[in-house]
Amino acid sequence: MKKLLIGASLLLIGSVAHAAPIGGDDKNCSDTYSVYNSRLLYGEVPIAGGNSYSVDPVTGFLQSRGMTFFLNRVTGTWSIVNTYINGVACIQDYGNLYTPTLR
């Protein structure tokens, strides 16, 4: 019985690992609501977004993710947040001194 419980636990852990997005182990990941609200605390608002696709290295399947660019126009801080279909969002990058480029 003990071996069965250990085996079931390992199977569950493995299935959770497969459900995590690329970068899902990143300390900058949480549920989408929390990550978006953390950007609002810095006065950043979403100004652009899009979709991208990558190959999951574990399953080999195509994985969709959304991208949102947040910006605080007063302080110049910015963040790029990736969102995944399983409800996880990750802060992919962030910085300051945002300057728009003109063509």
Protein backbone atom coordinates (compact mmCIF):
# COMPACT_ATOMS: atom_id res chain seq x y z
CA MET A 1 0.00 0.00 0.00
CA LYS A 2 2.84 2.38 0.87
CA LYS A 3 4.48 1.77 -2.53
CA LEU A 4 1.17 2.42 -4.25
CA LEU A 5 0.77 5.77 -2.47
CA ILE A 6 4.33 6.81 -3.31
CA GLY A 7 3.80 5.83 -6.95
CA ALA A 8 0.53 7.76 -7.14
CA SER A 9 2.21 10.80 -5.58
CA LEU A 10 5.02 10.71 -8.13
CA LEU A 11 2.51 10.36 -10.96
CA LEU A 12 0.58 13.38 -9.68
CA ILE A 13 3.75 15.45 -9.38
CA GLY A 14 4.73 14.49 -12.93
CA SER A 15 1.33 15.49 -14.31
CA VAL A 16 1.51 18.87 -12.56
CA ALA A 17 4.98 19.44 -14.01
CA HIS A 18 3.62 18.73 -17.50
CA ALA A 19 0.81 21.24 -16.95
CA ALA A 20 3.22 24.04 -16.05
CA PRO A 21 4.09 26.38 -18.90
CA ILE A 22 7.60 26.96 -20.13
CA GLY A 23 9.07 29.16 -17.43
CA GLY A 24 6.42 27.90 -15.02
CA ASP A 25 9.06 27.29 -12.36
CA ASP A 26 10.03 30.93 -12.60
CA LYS A 27 9.66 32.91 -9.36
CA ASN A 28 7.88 35.61 -11.39
CA CYS A 29 4.88 33.36 -12.18
CA SER A 30 1.50 33.22 -10.49
CA ASP A 31 -2.16 33.21 -11.44
CA THR A 32 -2.98 35.77 -14.14
CA TYR A 33 -5.10 37.94 -11.84
CA SER A 34 -2.28 38.34 -9.29
CA VAL A 35 0.38 39.08 -11.90
CA TYR A 36 -1.77 41.70 -13.66
CA ASN A 37 -2.64 43.35 -10.33
CA SER A 38 1.06 43.47 -9.40
CA ARG A 39 1.67 45.59 -12.51
CA LEU A 40 -1.11 47.98 -11.50
CA LEU A 41 0.66 48.55 -8.16
CA TYR A 42 3.50 50.09 -10.18
CA GLY A 43 1.05 52.27 -12.08
CA GLU A 44 1.60 50.23 -15.23
CA VAL A 45 -1.30 49.73 -17.61
CA PRO A 46 -1.55 47.39 -20.59
CA ILE A 47 -0.82 49.24 -23.83
CA ALA A 48 -0.16 46.40 -26.31
CA GLY A 49 -0.60 42.67 -26.63
CA GLY A 50 -0.33 39.72 -28.94
CA ASN A 51 -0.04 35.95 -29.21
CA SER A 52 2.98 33.75 -29.67
CA TYR A 53 3.62 30.04 -29.95
CA SER A 54 6.47 27.84 -28.82
CA VAL A 55 7.20 24.14 -28.69
CA ASP A 56 6.87 22.62 -25.21
CA PRO A 57 10.21 20.86 -24.63
CA VAL A 58 8.56 18.14 -22.54
CA THR A 59 5.63 17.17 -24.78
CA GLY A 60 6.80 18.49 -28.14
CA PHE A 61 3.37 20.09 -28.66
CA LEU A 62 2.80 23.63 -29.80
CA GLN A 63 1.96 25.85 -26.83
CA SER A 64 0.08 29.12 -27.17
CA ARG A 65 0.74 32.08 -24.94
CA GLY A 66 -0.41 35.65 -24.85
CA MET A 67 1.86 38.63 -24.35
CA THR A 68 0.90 41.92 -22.75
CA PHE A 69 3.13 44.99 -22.62
CA PHE A 70 2.50 47.14 -19.53
CA LEU A 71 3.78 50.70 -19.23
CA ASN A 72 3.78 53.52 -16.71
CA ARG A 73 3.97 56.61 -18.93
CA VAL A 74 4.94 58.87 -16.00
CA THR A 75 7.84 56.90 -14.48
CA GLY A 76 8.86 54.96 -17.60
CA THR A 77 8.69 51.53 -15.94
CA TRP A 78 7.52 48.67 -18.15
CA SER A 79 6.82 44.93 -17.98
CA ILE A 80 6.23 42.14 -20.47
CA VAL A 81 3.84 39.48 -19.17
CA ASN A 82 3.22 36.11 -20.82
CA THR A 83 -0.11 34.42 -20.10
CA TYR A 84 -0.82 30.72 -20.62
CA ILE A 85 -4.04 28.80 -21.21
CA ASN A 86 -3.82 27.12 -17.81
CA GLY A 87 -4.31 30.45 -16.00
CA VAL A 88 -0.66 31.06 -15.18
CA ALA A 89 1.07 34.33 -16.05
CA CYS A 90 4.79 35.09 -15.88
CA ILE A 91 6.63 38.40 -15.85
CA GLN A 92 9.01 37.73 -18.72
CA ASP A 93 10.94 40.98 -18.51
CA TYR A 94 10.75 44.42 -16.93
CA GLY A 95 12.69 47.64 -16.83
CA ASN A 96 12.64 51.41 -16.74
CA LEU A 97 13.50 54.45 -18.87
CA TYR A 98 10.98 53.50 -21.57
CA THR A 99 11.39 55.76 -24.57
CA PRO A 100 9.16 55.47 -27.62
CA THR A 101 10.94 55.37 -30.95
CA LEU A 102 9.65 57.36 -33.88
CA ARG A 103 9.91 56.24 -37.48
